[in-house]
Amino acid sequence: MSILGVIVRARPEHRGDVERELAGLPGVDIAAAADGRWVLVIEDHEQDSAAATMVRITTLPQVLNTSLVFEYSGPDAPAAEPALSNFQAWRDAPGQTRKPT
């Protein structure tokens, strides 16, 4: 599980449009709002991760910028992929790639 604290900024004249967009996103709670600024709490949900939701907010045309101010990944978060230990196993020698079998 991931939880993000995000500040979003937009021009005050776009306040209504941005608030409607934010309110329609799953996993997003508006913690505070002011003239063109919002403090959001974004959580993972079944359709997207919190990070993907933040990226979606960042790309809204009325949004000027977003700032990540808090991030939490709890013990119920998916385990990270194991590190690649033999990163050169796909080649026989430098500059020579192995043919697929």
N, C-alpha and C. Protein backbone atom coordinates (compact mmCIF):
# COMPACT_ATOMS: atom_id res chain seq x y z
N MET A 1 0.84 -1.18 0.00
CA MET A 1 0.00 0.00 0.00
C MET A 1 0.88 1.23 0.00
N SER A 2 0.56 2.18 -0.85
CA SER A 2 1.26 3.46 -0.89
C SER A 2 0.28 4.58 -0.61
N ILE A 3 0.74 5.56 0.14
CA ILE A 3 -0.03 6.76 0.42
C ILE A 3 0.87 7.95 0.09
N LEU A 4 0.34 8.89 -0.68
CA LEU A 4 1.09 10.07 -1.06
C LEU A 4 0.40 11.32 -0.55
N GLY A 5 1.18 12.27 -0.09
CA GLY A 5 0.69 13.61 0.22
C GLY A 5 1.17 14.52 -0.90
N VAL A 6 0.26 15.19 -1.56
CA VAL A 6 0.61 15.97 -2.76
C VAL A 6 -0.03 17.35 -2.68
N ILE A 7 0.72 18.35 -3.09
CA ILE A 7 0.18 19.70 -3.25
C ILE A 7 0.00 19.93 -4.74
N VAL A 8 -1.18 20.41 -5.11
CA VAL A 8 -1.51 20.69 -6.51
C VAL A 8 -1.78 22.18 -6.64
N ARG A 9 -1.25 22.78 -7.70
CA ARG A 9 -1.49 24.21 -7.96
C ARG A 9 -2.09 24.38 -9.34
N ALA A 10 -3.06 25.29 -9.40
CA ALA A 10 -3.69 25.67 -10.67
C ALA A 10 -4.09 27.13 -10.56
N ARG A 11 -4.40 27.74 -11.65
CA ARG A 11 -4.87 29.13 -11.62
C ARG A 11 -6.23 29.17 -10.93
N PRO A 12 -6.48 30.20 -10.11
CA PRO A 12 -7.75 30.28 -9.39
C PRO A 12 -8.98 30.21 -10.30
N GLU A 13 -8.88 30.72 -11.51
CA GLU A 13 -10.05 30.68 -12.41
C GLU A 13 -10.39 29.26 -12.88
N HIS A 14 -9.49 28.30 -12.67
CA HIS A 14 -9.76 26.91 -13.04
C HIS A 14 -10.14 26.06 -11.83
N ARG A 15 -10.39 26.71 -10.70
CA ARG A 15 -10.65 25.99 -9.46
C ARG A 15 -11.77 24.96 -9.59
N GLY A 16 -12.90 25.36 -10.14
CA GLY A 16 -14.04 24.43 -10.25
C GLY A 16 -13.73 23.23 -11.13
N ASP A 17 -13.08 23.46 -12.28
CA ASP A 17 -12.74 22.36 -13.19
C ASP A 17 -11.78 21.38 -12.52
N VAL A 18 -10.77 21.91 -11.86
CA VAL A 18 -9.77 21.05 -11.23
C VAL A 18 -10.40 20.27 -10.07
N GLU A 19 -11.21 20.92 -9.27
CA GLU A 19 -11.86 20.21 -8.15
C GLU A 19 -12.76 19.09 -8.64
N ARG A 20 -13.48 19.32 -9.73
CA ARG A 20 -14.33 18.24 -10.29
C ARG A 20 -13.47 17.08 -10.77
N GLU A 21 -12.36 17.37 -11.43
CA GLU A 21 -11.46 16.31 -11.88
C GLU A 21 -10.89 15.53 -10.71
N LEU A 22 -10.42 16.24 -9.69
CA LEU A 22 -9.83 15.57 -8.52
C LEU A 22 -10.86 14.73 -7.78
N ALA A 23 -12.05 15.26 -7.62
CA ALA A 23 -13.10 14.54 -6.90
C ALA A 23 -13.52 13.27 -7.63
N GLY A 24 -13.34 13.22 -8.94
CA GLY A 24 -13.72 12.05 -9.73
C GLY A 24 -12.67 10.96 -9.79
N LEU A 25 -11.50 11.20 -9.22
CA LEU A 25 -10.43 10.20 -9.28
C LEU A 25 -10.50 9.26 -8.08
N PRO A 26 -10.51 7.95 -8.32
CA PRO A 26 -10.52 7.01 -7.20
C PRO A 26 -9.22 7.07 -6.42
N GLY A 27 -9.30 6.95 -5.11
CA GLY A 27 -8.13 6.96 -4.25
C GLY A 27 -7.64 8.35 -3.87
N VAL A 28 -8.36 9.40 -4.30
CA VAL A 28 -7.94 10.77 -4.02
C VAL A 28 -8.89 11.40 -3.01
N ASP A 29 -8.32 11.93 -1.93
CA ASP A 29 -9.07 12.70 -0.94
C ASP A 29 -8.51 14.11 -0.92
N ILE A 30 -9.39 15.10 -1.01
CA ILE A 30 -8.95 16.49 -0.91
C ILE A 30 -8.93 16.84 0.58
N ALA A 31 -7.72 17.04 1.11
CA ALA A 31 -7.57 17.32 2.54
C ALA A 31 -7.77 18.80 2.83
N ALA A 32 -7.41 19.66 1.90
CA ALA A 32 -7.57 21.11 2.08
C ALA A 32 -7.57 21.76 0.70
N ALA A 33 -8.29 22.86 0.59
CA ALA A 33 -8.34 23.58 -0.68
C ALA A 33 -8.30 25.07 -0.41
N ALA A 34 -7.62 25.78 -1.26
CA ALA A 34 -7.57 27.24 -1.19
C ALA A 34 -7.62 27.74 -2.63
N ASP A 35 -7.39 29.00 -2.81
CA ASP A 35 -7.49 29.61 -4.13
C ASP A 35 -6.43 29.08 -5.09
N GLY A 36 -6.74 28.01 -5.77
CA GLY A 36 -5.81 27.45 -6.74
C GLY A 36 -4.79 26.48 -6.16
N ARG A 37 -4.96 26.11 -4.89
CA ARG A 37 -4.06 25.14 -4.26
C ARG A 37 -4.88 24.07 -3.54
N TRP A 38 -4.43 22.84 -3.64
CA TRP A 38 -5.09 21.73 -2.97
C TRP A 38 -4.04 20.86 -2.30
N VAL A 39 -4.39 20.34 -1.15
CA VAL A 39 -3.58 19.33 -0.48
C VAL A 39 -4.35 18.03 -0.63
N LEU A 40 -3.71 17.04 -1.25
CA LEU A 40 -4.37 15.77 -1.52
C LEU A 40 -3.70 14.64 -0.76
N VAL A 41 -4.50 13.65 -0.42
CA VAL A 41 -4.01 12.37 0.05
C VAL A 41 -4.42 11.37 -1.03
N ILE A 42 -3.43 10.69 -1.60
CA ILE A 42 -3.68 9.74 -2.68
C ILE A 42 -3.27 8.36 -2.21
N GLU A 43 -4.18 7.39 -2.35
CA GLU A 43 -3.90 6.01 -1.96
C GLU A 43 -3.99 5.10 -3.17
N ASP A 44 -3.27 3.98 -3.11
CA ASP A 44 -3.43 2.95 -4.14
C ASP A 44 -4.90 2.52 -4.18
N HIS A 45 -5.36 2.13 -5.34
CA HIS A 45 -6.70 1.55 -5.46
C HIS A 45 -6.63 0.43 -6.48
N GLU A 46 -7.71 -0.27 -6.65
CA GLU A 46 -7.67 -1.47 -7.48
C GLU A 46 -7.34 -1.20 -8.95
N GLN A 47 -7.61 -0.02 -9.48
CA GLN A 47 -7.32 0.26 -10.89
C GLN A 47 -5.93 0.83 -11.12
N ASP A 48 -5.36 1.56 -10.16
CA ASP A 48 -4.08 2.23 -10.37
C ASP A 48 -3.33 2.39 -9.06
N SER A 49 -2.03 2.57 -9.19
CA SER A 49 -1.21 2.88 -8.02
C SER A 49 -1.35 4.36 -7.68
N ALA A 50 -0.97 4.72 -6.48
CA ALA A 50 -1.00 6.13 -6.08
C ALA A 50 -0.09 6.95 -6.97
N ALA A 51 1.06 6.41 -7.33
CA ALA A 51 2.00 7.14 -8.19
C ALA A 51 1.39 7.38 -9.57
N ALA A 52 0.70 6.40 -10.12
CA ALA A 52 0.06 6.58 -11.44
C ALA A 52 -1.04 7.63 -11.37
N THR A 53 -1.76 7.67 -10.25
CA THR A 53 -2.79 8.70 -10.08
C THR A 53 -2.16 10.08 -10.00
N MET A 54 -1.02 10.19 -9.30
CA MET A 54 -0.34 11.48 -9.23
C MET A 54 0.11 11.93 -10.62
N VAL A 55 0.63 11.03 -11.41
CA VAL A 55 1.04 11.37 -12.78
C VAL A 55 -0.16 11.84 -13.59
N ARG A 56 -1.28 11.17 -13.42
CA ARG A 56 -2.50 11.57 -14.13
C ARG A 56 -2.91 13.00 -13.75
N ILE A 57 -2.82 13.33 -12.47
CA ILE A 57 -3.15 14.68 -12.00
C ILE A 57 -2.18 15.69 -12.60
N THR A 58 -0.91 15.34 -12.63
CA THR A 58 0.12 16.23 -13.18
C THR A 58 -0.16 16.58 -14.64
N THR A 59 -0.75 15.66 -15.37
CA THR A 59 -0.99 15.89 -16.80
C THR A 59 -2.32 16.57 -17.10
N LEU A 60 -3.11 16.88 -16.08
CA LEU A 60 -4.35 17.62 -16.33
C LEU A 60 -4.00 19.00 -16.91
N PRO A 61 -4.69 19.44 -17.95
CA PRO A 61 -4.29 20.67 -18.62
C PRO A 61 -4.33 21.92 -17.75
N GLN A 62 -5.21 21.97 -16.75
CA GLN A 62 -5.32 23.17 -15.91
C GLN A 62 -4.32 23.18 -14.76
N VAL A 63 -3.66 22.06 -14.50
CA VAL A 63 -2.73 21.96 -13.37
C VAL A 63 -1.40 22.58 -13.75
N LEU A 64 -0.93 23.52 -12.92
CA LEU A 64 0.36 24.17 -13.16
C LEU A 64 1.51 23.30 -12.68
N ASN A 65 1.37 22.73 -11.46
CA ASN A 65 2.41 21.83 -10.96
C ASN A 65 1.88 21.00 -9.80
N THR A 66 2.62 19.96 -9.48
CA THR A 66 2.33 19.13 -8.31
C THR A 66 3.64 18.96 -7.54
N SER A 67 3.51 18.82 -6.24
CA SER A 67 4.68 18.59 -5.38
C SER A 67 4.38 17.42 -4.46
N LEU A 68 5.23 16.42 -4.50
CA LEU A 68 5.13 15.29 -3.58
C LEU A 68 5.76 15.72 -2.26
N VAL A 69 4.97 15.74 -1.20
CA VAL A 69 5.49 16.19 0.10
C VAL A 69 5.53 15.07 1.14
N PHE A 70 4.91 13.93 0.83
CA PHE A 70 4.90 12.81 1.76
C PHE A 70 4.70 11.53 0.96
N GLU A 71 5.42 10.48 1.35
CA GLU A 71 5.24 9.17 0.71
C GLU A 71 5.37 8.10 1.77
N TYR A 72 4.44 7.16 1.76
CA TYR A 72 4.49 6.02 2.67
C TYR A 72 4.23 4.76 1.87
N SER A 73 5.08 3.78 2.05
CA SER A 73 4.86 2.45 1.49
C SER A 73 4.89 1.48 2.65
N GLY A 74 3.74 0.92 2.94
CA GLY A 74 3.62 0.07 4.11
C GLY A 74 4.02 -1.37 3.86
N PRO A 75 4.01 -2.17 4.92
CA PRO A 75 4.40 -3.57 4.79
C PRO A 75 3.48 -4.38 3.90
N ASP A 76 2.29 -3.87 3.63
CA ASP A 76 1.38 -4.59 2.74
C ASP A 76 1.59 -4.19 1.29
N ALA A 77 2.65 -3.41 1.01
CA ALA A 77 3.00 -3.05 -0.36
C ALA A 77 3.60 -4.26 -1.05
N PRO A 78 3.43 -4.39 -2.35
CA PRO A 78 4.05 -5.52 -3.07
C PRO A 78 5.57 -5.49 -2.89
N ALA A 79 6.16 -6.66 -2.82
CA ALA A 79 7.61 -6.75 -2.67
C ALA A 79 8.30 -6.23 -3.92
N ALA A 80 9.44 -5.63 -3.71
CA ALA A 80 10.22 -5.13 -4.84
C ALA A 80 10.78 -6.31 -5.63
N GLU A 81 10.99 -6.09 -6.91
CA GLU A 81 11.59 -7.12 -7.76
C GLU A 81 13.00 -7.40 -7.25
N PRO A 82 13.41 -8.67 -7.29
CA PRO A 82 14.78 -8.96 -6.84
C PRO A 82 15.80 -8.32 -7.78
N ALA A 83 16.92 -7.95 -7.21
CA ALA A 83 17.98 -7.33 -8.02
C ALA A 83 18.54 -8.34 -9.00
N LEU A 84 18.86 -7.87 -10.17
CA LEU A 84 19.46 -8.73 -11.19
C LEU A 84 20.90 -9.00 -10.77
N SER A 85 21.24 -10.26 -10.52
CA SER A 85 22.57 -10.57 -10.01
C SER A 85 23.59 -10.84 -11.11
N ASN A 86 23.18 -11.44 -12.20
CA ASN A 86 24.12 -11.74 -13.28
C ASN A 86 23.70 -10.93 -14.50
N PHE A 87 24.02 -9.64 -14.48
CA PHE A 87 23.51 -8.75 -15.51
C PHE A 87 24.17 -8.95 -16.87
N GLN A 88 25.24 -9.72 -16.95
CA GLN A 88 25.90 -9.95 -18.22
C GLN A 88 25.59 -11.34 -18.79
N ALA A 89 24.67 -12.07 -18.21
CA ALA A 89 24.39 -13.44 -18.63
C ALA A 89 23.82 -13.52 -20.04
N TRP A 90 23.34 -12.45 -20.58
CA TRP A 90 22.71 -12.45 -21.90
C TRP A 90 23.71 -12.36 -23.04
N ARG A 91 25.01 -12.22 -22.74
CA ARG A 91 26.00 -12.15 -23.81
C ARG A 91 27.15 -13.12 -23.54
N ASP A 92 27.80 -13.54 -24.61
CA ASP A 92 28.94 -14.46 -24.49
C ASP A 92 30.23 -13.71 -24.19
N ALA A 93 30.40 -12.56 -24.84
CA ALA A 93 31.60 -11.75 -24.66
C ALA A 93 31.21 -10.30 -24.90
N PRO A 94 31.98 -9.34 -24.41
CA PRO A 94 31.63 -7.93 -24.65
C PRO A 94 31.42 -7.67 -26.14
N GLY A 95 30.31 -7.03 -26.45
CA GLY A 95 29.98 -6.69 -27.83
C GLY A 95 29.35 -7.82 -28.62
N GLN A 96 29.22 -9.02 -28.05
CA GLN A 96 28.66 -10.16 -28.76
C GLN A 96 27.42 -10.64 -28.01
N THR A 97 26.27 -10.64 -28.66
CA THR A 97 25.05 -11.11 -28.02
C THR A 97 24.80 -12.57 -28.34
N ARG A 98 24.18 -13.24 -27.43
CA ARG A 98 23.85 -14.66 -27.59
C ARG A 98 22.57 -14.79 -28.40
N LYS A 99 22.54 -15.73 -29.31
CA LYS A 99 21.33 -15.97 -30.11
C LYS A 99 20.30 -16.63 -29.22
N PRO A 100 19.03 -16.21 -29.37
CA PRO A 100 17.96 -16.82 -28.57
C PRO A 100 17.84 -18.30 -28.89
N THR A 101 17.53 -19.10 -27.88
CA THR A 101 17.35 -20.54 -28.09
C THR A 101 15.92 -20.92 -28.03
